[in-house]
Protein backbone atom coordinates (compact mmCIF):
# COMPACT_ATOMS: atom_id res chain seq x y z
CA UNK A 1 0.02 -0.04 -0.02
CA UNK A 2 1.57 3.41 -0.94
CA UNK A 3 2.54 5.67 1.85
CA UNK A 4 0.15 8.54 2.45
CA UNK A 5 1.42 12.05 2.18
CA UNK A 6 2.00 13.94 5.37
CA UNK A 7 -0.90 16.20 6.30
CA UNK A 8 -0.11 19.90 5.66
CA UNK A 9 0.06 22.45 8.44
CA UNK A 10 -3.01 24.54 9.07
CA UNK A 11 -1.41 27.59 7.47
CA UNK A 12 -0.46 25.50 4.39
CA UNK A 13 -3.96 24.11 4.22
CA UNK A 14 -5.56 27.56 4.32
CA UNK A 15 -3.19 28.79 1.66
CA UNK A 16 -4.27 25.93 -0.59
CA UNK A 17 -7.94 26.79 -0.05
CA UNK A 18 -7.26 30.47 -0.90
CA UNK A 19 -5.57 29.40 -4.09
CA UNK A 20 -8.57 27.29 -5.07
CA UNK A 21 -10.92 30.25 -4.37
CA UNK A 22 -8.82 32.79 -6.28
CA UNK A 23 -8.38 30.52 -9.31
CA UNK A 24 -12.12 29.85 -9.56
CA UNK A 25 -12.72 33.52 -10.38
CA UNK A 26 -15.97 33.26 -8.46
CA UNK A 27 -18.17 36.06 -7.16
CA UNK A 28 -17.58 34.39 -3.76
CA UNK A 29 -14.13 35.80 -3.61
CA UNK A 30 -15.25 39.23 -4.73
CA UNK A 31 -17.74 39.42 -1.86
CA UNK A 32 -15.39 38.29 0.95
CA UNK A 33 -11.85 39.67 0.26
CA UNK A 34 -12.23 42.57 2.71
CA UNK A 35 -12.81 40.16 5.67
CA UNK A 36 -10.52 39.88 8.65
CA UNK A 37 -8.12 37.03 8.14
CA UNK A 38 -9.61 34.37 10.44
CA UNK A 39 -13.10 34.68 8.93
CA UNK A 40 -11.80 35.08 5.35
CA UNK A 41 -9.65 31.82 5.84
CA UNK A 42 -12.76 29.96 7.10
CA UNK A 43 -14.79 31.12 4.08
CA UNK A 44 -11.98 29.97 1.78
CA UNK A 45 -12.10 26.52 3.39
CA UNK A 46 -15.86 26.30 2.97
CA UNK A 47 -15.62 27.41 -0.73
CA UNK A 48 -12.74 24.99 -1.51
CA UNK A 49 -14.68 22.02 0.09
CA UNK A 50 -17.81 22.80 -1.95
CA UNK A 51 -15.91 23.54 -5.17
CA UNK A 52 -14.12 20.17 -5.08
CA UNK A 53 -17.37 18.35 -4.34
CA UNK A 54 -18.89 20.07 -7.31
CA UNK A 55 -15.90 19.25 -9.55
CA UNK A 56 -16.25 15.62 -8.61
CA UNK A 57 -19.79 15.72 -9.96
CA UNK A 58 -19.20 17.53 -13.22
CA UNK A 59 -15.58 18.52 -13.99
CA UNK A 60 -14.56 16.75 -17.25
CA UNK A 61 -11.01 16.74 -16.07
CA UNK A 62 -11.82 14.39 -13.17
CA UNK A 63 -11.54 10.79 -14.25
CA UNK A 64 -12.40 7.55 -12.46
CA UNK A 65 -15.45 6.47 -10.53
CA UNK A 66 -17.02 9.72 -9.45
CA UNK A 67 -19.36 8.06 -6.96
CA UNK A 68 -16.32 6.46 -5.30
CA UNK A 69 -14.49 9.85 -5.23
CA UNK A 70 -17.55 11.49 -3.64
CA UNK A 71 -17.67 8.77 -1.01
CA UNK A 72 -14.00 9.39 -0.23
CA UNK A 73 -14.67 13.10 -0.02
CA UNK A 74 -17.43 12.29 2.48
CA UNK A 75 -14.90 10.35 4.45
CA UNK A 76 -12.56 13.29 4.40
CA UNK A 77 -15.41 15.45 5.87
CA UNK A 78 -15.87 12.81 8.53
CA UNK A 79 -12.14 12.96 9.35
CA UNK A 80 -12.31 16.74 9.49
CA UNK A 81 -14.91 16.47 12.19
CA UNK A 82 -14.11 13.26 14.03
CA UNK A 83 -10.54 12.21 13.02
CA UNK A 84 -7.37 13.33 11.43
CA UNK A 85 -7.87 14.80 7.93
CA UNK A 86 -5.00 14.58 5.45
CA UNK A 87 -6.25 16.62 2.44
CA UNK A 88 -5.38 20.33 2.71
CA UNK A 89 -9.07 21.26 2.42
CA UNK A 90 -9.98 18.84 5.20
CA UNK A 91 -7.26 20.23 7.46
CA UNK A 92 -8.43 23.75 6.88
CA UNK A 93 -12.08 22.81 7.29
CA UNK A 94 -11.43 21.05 10.56
CA UNK A 95 -9.84 24.27 11.93
CA UNK A 96 -12.64 26.49 10.65
CA UNK A 97 -15.33 24.20 11.95
CA UNK A 98 -13.90 24.36 15.54
CA UNK A 99 -13.38 28.16 15.38
CA UNK A 100 -16.92 28.99 14.08
CA UNK A 101 -19.02 26.04 15.22
CA UNK A 102 -19.91 24.93 11.72
CA UNK A 103 -22.51 22.17 11.69
CA UNK A 104 -21.33 19.00 9.95
CA UNK A 105 -24.95 18.42 8.83
CA UNK A 106 -24.82 21.34 6.33
CA UNK A 107 -21.85 19.76 4.59
CA UNK A 108 -23.52 16.38 4.54
CA UNK A 109 -26.63 17.82 3.07
CA UNK A 110 -24.50 19.50 0.35
CA UNK A 111 -22.82 16.16 -0.55
CA UNK A 112 -26.24 14.52 -0.73
CA UNK A 113 -27.39 17.14 -3.22
CA UNK A 114 -24.19 16.70 -5.27
CA UNK A 115 -24.88 12.92 -5.31
CA UNK A 116 -28.15 13.57 -7.21
CA UNK A 117 -26.12 15.05 -9.99
CA UNK A 118 -24.23 11.85 -10.35
CA UNK A 119 -27.46 9.89 -10.39
CA UNK A 120 -28.74 12.05 -13.25
CA UNK A 121 -32.35 11.90 -12.21
CA UNK A 122 -34.51 14.51 -13.94
CA UNK A 123 -36.11 17.23 -11.77
CA UNK A 124 -39.84 16.68 -12.33
CA UNK A 125 -41.27 19.53 -10.35
CA UNK A 126 -40.11 22.97 -9.31
CA UNK A 127 -40.10 21.84 -5.68
CA UNK A 128 -37.52 19.24 -6.61
CA UNK A 129 -35.33 22.04 -8.09
CA UNK A 130 -35.85 24.20 -4.98
CA UNK A 131 -34.71 21.33 -2.76
CA UNK A 132 -31.67 20.88 -5.01
CA UNK A 133 -30.90 24.64 -4.72
CA UNK A 134 -31.20 24.43 -1.03
CA UNK A 135 -28.79 21.48 -0.90
CA UNK A 136 -26.03 22.96 -3.10
CA UNK A 137 -26.36 26.65 -2.20
CA UNK A 138 -28.51 27.44 0.90
CA UNK A 139 -26.35 25.06 2.94
CA UNK A 140 -23.37 27.19 2.00
CA UNK A 141 -25.23 30.37 3.02
CA UNK A 142 -26.10 28.78 6.34
CA UNK A 143 -22.45 28.16 6.89
CA UNK A 144 -21.42 31.68 5.77
CA UNK A 145 -23.82 33.35 8.24
CA UNK A 146 -22.29 31.38 11.08
CA UNK A 147 -18.82 32.52 10.13
CA UNK A 148 -20.24 36.06 10.13
CA UNK A 149 -21.41 35.53 13.66
CA UNK A 150 -25.21 35.82 12.85
CA UNK A 151 -27.63 33.44 14.52
CA UNK A 152 -31.41 32.97 14.83
CA UNK A 153 -34.40 31.60 12.80
CA UNK A 154 -34.80 34.74 10.62
CA UNK A 155 -31.15 34.65 9.73
CA UNK A 156 -31.45 31.05 8.71
CA UNK A 157 -34.57 31.75 6.57
CA UNK A 158 -32.67 34.76 5.04
CA UNK A 159 -29.73 32.49 4.17
CA UNK A 160 -32.01 29.76 2.77
CA UNK A 161 -33.90 32.19 0.43
CA UNK A 162 -30.71 33.96 -0.70
CA UNK A 163 -29.08 30.64 -1.46
CA UNK A 164 -32.05 29.51 -3.61
CA UNK A 165 -32.05 32.88 -5.46
CA UNK A 166 -28.35 32.63 -6.19
CA UNK A 167 -28.56 29.04 -7.39
CA UNK A 168 -31.56 29.83 -9.59
CA UNK A 169 -29.48 32.57 -11.15
CA UNK A 170 -26.68 30.11 -11.77
CA UNK A 171 -29.19 27.62 -13.33
CA UNK A 172 -30.34 30.35 -15.66
CA UNK A 173 -26.91 31.46 -16.62
CA UNK A 174 -25.74 27.89 -17.37
CA UNK A 175 -28.78 26.52 -19.15
CA UNK A 176 -26.92 26.03 -22.42
CA UNK A 177 -23.70 24.81 -21.03
CA UNK A 178 -25.51 22.37 -18.72
CA UNK A 179 -27.71 21.05 -21.53
CA UNK A 180 -24.62 20.58 -23.68
CA UNK A 181 -23.36 18.23 -21.11
CA UNK A 182 -26.66 16.35 -20.78
CA UNK A 183 -27.86 18.10 -17.61
CA UNK A 184 -31.17 20.05 -17.48
CA UNK A 185 -32.11 21.62 -14.19
CA UNK A 186 -35.31 23.32 -15.24
CA UNK A 187 -38.26 21.34 -13.95
CA UNK A 188 -39.99 19.11 -16.52
CA UNK A 189 -43.41 20.35 -15.40
CA UNK A 190 -42.38 23.88 -16.51
CA UNK A 191 -40.91 22.68 -19.80
CA UNK A 192 -44.20 20.83 -20.55
CA UNK A 193 -46.30 23.85 -19.45
CA UNK A 194 -44.48 26.22 -21.80
CA UNK A 195 -43.96 23.79 -24.68
CA UNK A 196 -40.22 23.46 -24.45
CA UNK A 197 -38.57 20.14 -25.12
CA UNK A 198 -35.25 18.94 -23.69
CA UNK A 199 -34.08 18.42 -27.26
CA UNK A 200 -34.63 22.08 -27.99
CA UNK A 201 -32.47 23.12 -24.94
CA UNK A 202 -29.69 20.78 -26.12
CA UNK A 203 -29.85 22.19 -29.63
CA UNK A 204 -29.11 25.57 -27.91
CA UNK A 205 -31.31 27.56 -30.38
CA UNK A 206 -33.32 30.32 -28.83
CA UNK A 207 -37.06 30.32 -29.35
CA UNK A 208 -39.80 32.51 -27.95
CA UNK A 209 -41.02 29.59 -25.80
CA UNK A 210 -37.52 29.16 -24.26
CA UNK A 211 -37.16 32.87 -23.70
CA UNK A 212 -40.48 32.92 -21.87
CA UNK A 213 -39.36 29.90 -19.79
CA UNK A 214 -36.18 31.73 -18.81
CA UNK A 215 -38.08 34.92 -17.96
CA UNK A 216 -40.34 32.86 -15.75
CA UNK A 217 -37.40 31.43 -13.84
CA UNK A 218 -35.83 34.90 -13.59
CA UNK A 219 -39.01 36.02 -11.82
CA UNK A 220 -38.84 33.10 -9.43
CA UNK A 221 -35.34 34.05 -8.59
CA UNK A 222 -36.38 37.64 -7.96
CA UNK A 223 -39.06 36.46 -5.55
CA UNK A 224 -36.45 34.66 -3.49
CA UNK A 225 -34.13 37.67 -3.51
CA UNK A 226 -37.05 39.78 -2.28
CA UNK A 227 -37.98 37.30 0.45
CA UNK A 228 -34.37 37.30 1.62
CA UNK A 229 -34.42 41.14 1.75
CA UNK A 230 -37.63 41.10 3.88
CA UNK A 231 -36.16 38.49 6.17
CA UNK A 232 -32.86 40.26 6.80
CA UNK A 233 -32.97 41.30 10.50
CA UNK A 234 -32.24 44.99 10.84
CA UNK A 235 -29.95 44.33 13.84
CA UNK A 236 -27.83 41.94 11.70
CA UNK A 237 -27.67 44.06 8.56
CA UNK A 238 -24.18 45.33 9.29
CA UNK A 239 -22.84 41.96 10.23
CA UNK A 240 -24.28 40.26 7.04
CA UNK A 241 -22.93 42.86 4.61
CA UNK A 242 -20.65 40.19 2.98
CA UNK A 243 -23.66 37.93 2.33
CA UNK A 244 -25.60 40.90 1.05
CA UNK A 245 -22.71 41.75 -1.27
CA UNK A 246 -22.73 38.23 -2.78
CA UNK A 247 -26.56 38.40 -3.22
CA UNK A 248 -26.27 41.74 -4.97
CA UNK A 249 -23.60 40.56 -7.36
CA UNK A 250 -25.80 37.63 -8.38
CA UNK A 251 -28.96 39.78 -8.58
CA UNK A 252 -26.97 42.17 -10.83
CA UNK A 253 -26.05 39.15 -12.98
CA UNK A 254 -29.73 38.16 -13.13
CA UNK A 255 -30.74 41.66 -14.32
CA UNK A 256 -27.95 41.65 -16.87
CA UNK A 257 -29.15 38.33 -18.26
CA UNK A 258 -32.64 39.80 -18.68
CA UNK A 259 -31.32 43.02 -20.20
CA UNK A 260 -29.41 40.97 -22.84
CA UNK A 261 -32.51 38.93 -23.70
CA UNK A 262 -31.37 35.85 -21.82
CA UNK A 263 -28.21 34.76 -23.72
CA UNK A 264 -28.32 31.61 -21.66
CA UNK A 265 -27.83 29.08 -24.47
CA UNK A 266 -24.37 30.37 -25.32
CA UNK A 267 -21.25 30.63 -23.13
CA UNK A 268 -22.18 31.60 -19.58
CA UNK A 269 -22.36 35.31 -18.95
CA UNK A 270 -20.16 36.68 -16.25
CA UNK A 271 -19.85 40.12 -14.66
CA UNK A 272 -16.48 41.65 -14.94
CA UNK A 273 -14.21 41.45 -11.81
CA UNK A 274 -14.22 45.29 -11.62
CA UNK A 275 -17.97 45.35 -11.60
CA UNK A 276 -18.22 42.62 -8.94
CA UNK A 277 -15.72 44.41 -6.74
CA UNK A 278 -17.61 47.72 -7.13
CA UNK A 279 -20.84 46.07 -6.01
CA UNK A 280 -19.08 44.35 -3.05
CA UNK A 281 -17.39 47.55 -2.01
CA UNK A 282 -20.58 49.58 -2.22
CA UNK A 283 -22.33 47.01 -0.03
CA UNK A 284 -19.52 47.01 2.58
CA UNK A 285 -19.65 50.86 2.72
CA UNK A 286 -23.38 51.03 3.12
CA UNK A 287 -26.60 51.07 1.19
CA UNK A 288 -27.23 53.60 -1.56
CA UNK A 289 -23.66 53.84 -2.81
CA UNK A 290 -23.82 51.07 -5.43
CA UNK A 291 -24.71 53.24 -8.46
CA UNK A 292 -22.00 55.82 -7.78
CA UNK A 293 -19.31 53.20 -7.36
CA UNK A 294 -20.56 51.40 -10.40
CA UNK A 295 -20.01 54.61 -12.44
CA UNK A 296 -16.41 54.88 -11.39
CA UNK A 297 -16.08 56.11 -7.75
CA UNK A 298 -12.91 54.85 -6.11
CA UNK A 299 -13.09 51.25 -4.86
CA UNK A 300 -10.63 49.89 -2.26
CA UNK A 301 -7.90 48.04 -4.02
CA UNK A 302 -8.19 44.27 -4.02
CA UNK A 303 -5.48 41.73 -4.27
CA UNK A 304 -4.49 41.16 -7.91
CA UNK A 305 -6.15 38.23 -9.68
CA UNK A 306 -3.60 35.64 -10.42
CA UNK A 307 -3.29 33.82 -13.79
CA UNK A 308 -5.58 30.85 -13.62
CA UNK A 309 -3.57 27.65 -13.39
CA UNK A 310 -4.86 24.35 -14.68
CA UNK A 311 -7.18 22.67 -12.16
CA UNK A 312 -4.89 19.70 -11.86
CA UNK A 313 -2.31 21.91 -10.16
CA UNK A 314 -4.84 22.95 -7.56
CA UNK A 315 -6.83 19.88 -6.95
CA UNK A 316 -4.71 17.01 -8.25
CA UNK A 317 -5.86 14.25 -10.57
CA UNK A 318 -8.57 11.96 -9.35
CA UNK A 319 -6.23 9.28 -8.12
CA UNK A 320 -4.32 11.83 -5.97
CA UNK A 321 -7.62 12.92 -4.46
CA UNK A 322 -8.51 9.33 -3.73
CA UNK A 323 -5.24 8.67 -2.05
CA UNK A 324 -5.30 11.81 0.07
CA UNK A 325 -8.86 10.96 1.23
CA UNK A 326 -8.04 7.41 2.48
CA UNK A 327 -8.24 7.00 6.25
């Protein structure tokens, strides 16, 4: 049996997670870079864990038995909470979980949702999609608000609705790319109701029926953004600025999708890094500043975005992941 690699130090593990986060070019990093170091590192660990789980499900560069890899990633999570993790993400996550009292159940629920991607079962009803969105996105929001120090039922409802809104925005943005890989997240009942076939989505040719379907889903996302805004406790508004920043970035993306006529069957639309940082900074500085910053007011300087390396250098090939996840 090959000798397992020595587990990295906590600092090395967090540095690895930060690299995964930066290389992803996600809105997540844009919303949280102004955080104090301990909280920022914990958020990097959460993001890296979720990103690697997602990559196991759908990254074409990951080879091997994906179900087995996901099971081993589940074991790494178990080690982070109850044993001695060896993967850098597991080491960082174990430290973050102790510092911020992160419930293991949220990570397990996320892995269960990712497993449904591997099974490839169609989503028949919108309620099925909403449960999926909760599993892959609201769970992350529930972890984030704990790192931010916010607690309470309204905070949890806020995180749940914001997570669903963000994931519905992702679903909209990626309709074409997902369909091209054989995955359709729009509920079958809605496709049938509006006369859209799965074949039409895979062909990636826009029709009025598809555009209407996308507009319908955009409105559903807006409802969840609005619910989150209503649920945001006033006494926690300042503490939850980073979560609000992420929500505003994705809502801005949603409005841009609509403004461009839902170009969702082509390459996924992304807001520029400058625009994401402007939205994040305006939210950190207080409500009502977003438009001014968006038109060119000064924004605090963010760390430079590094050149994106190949994923293999960050995550390792599948067999390395499997080895590092053994107990």
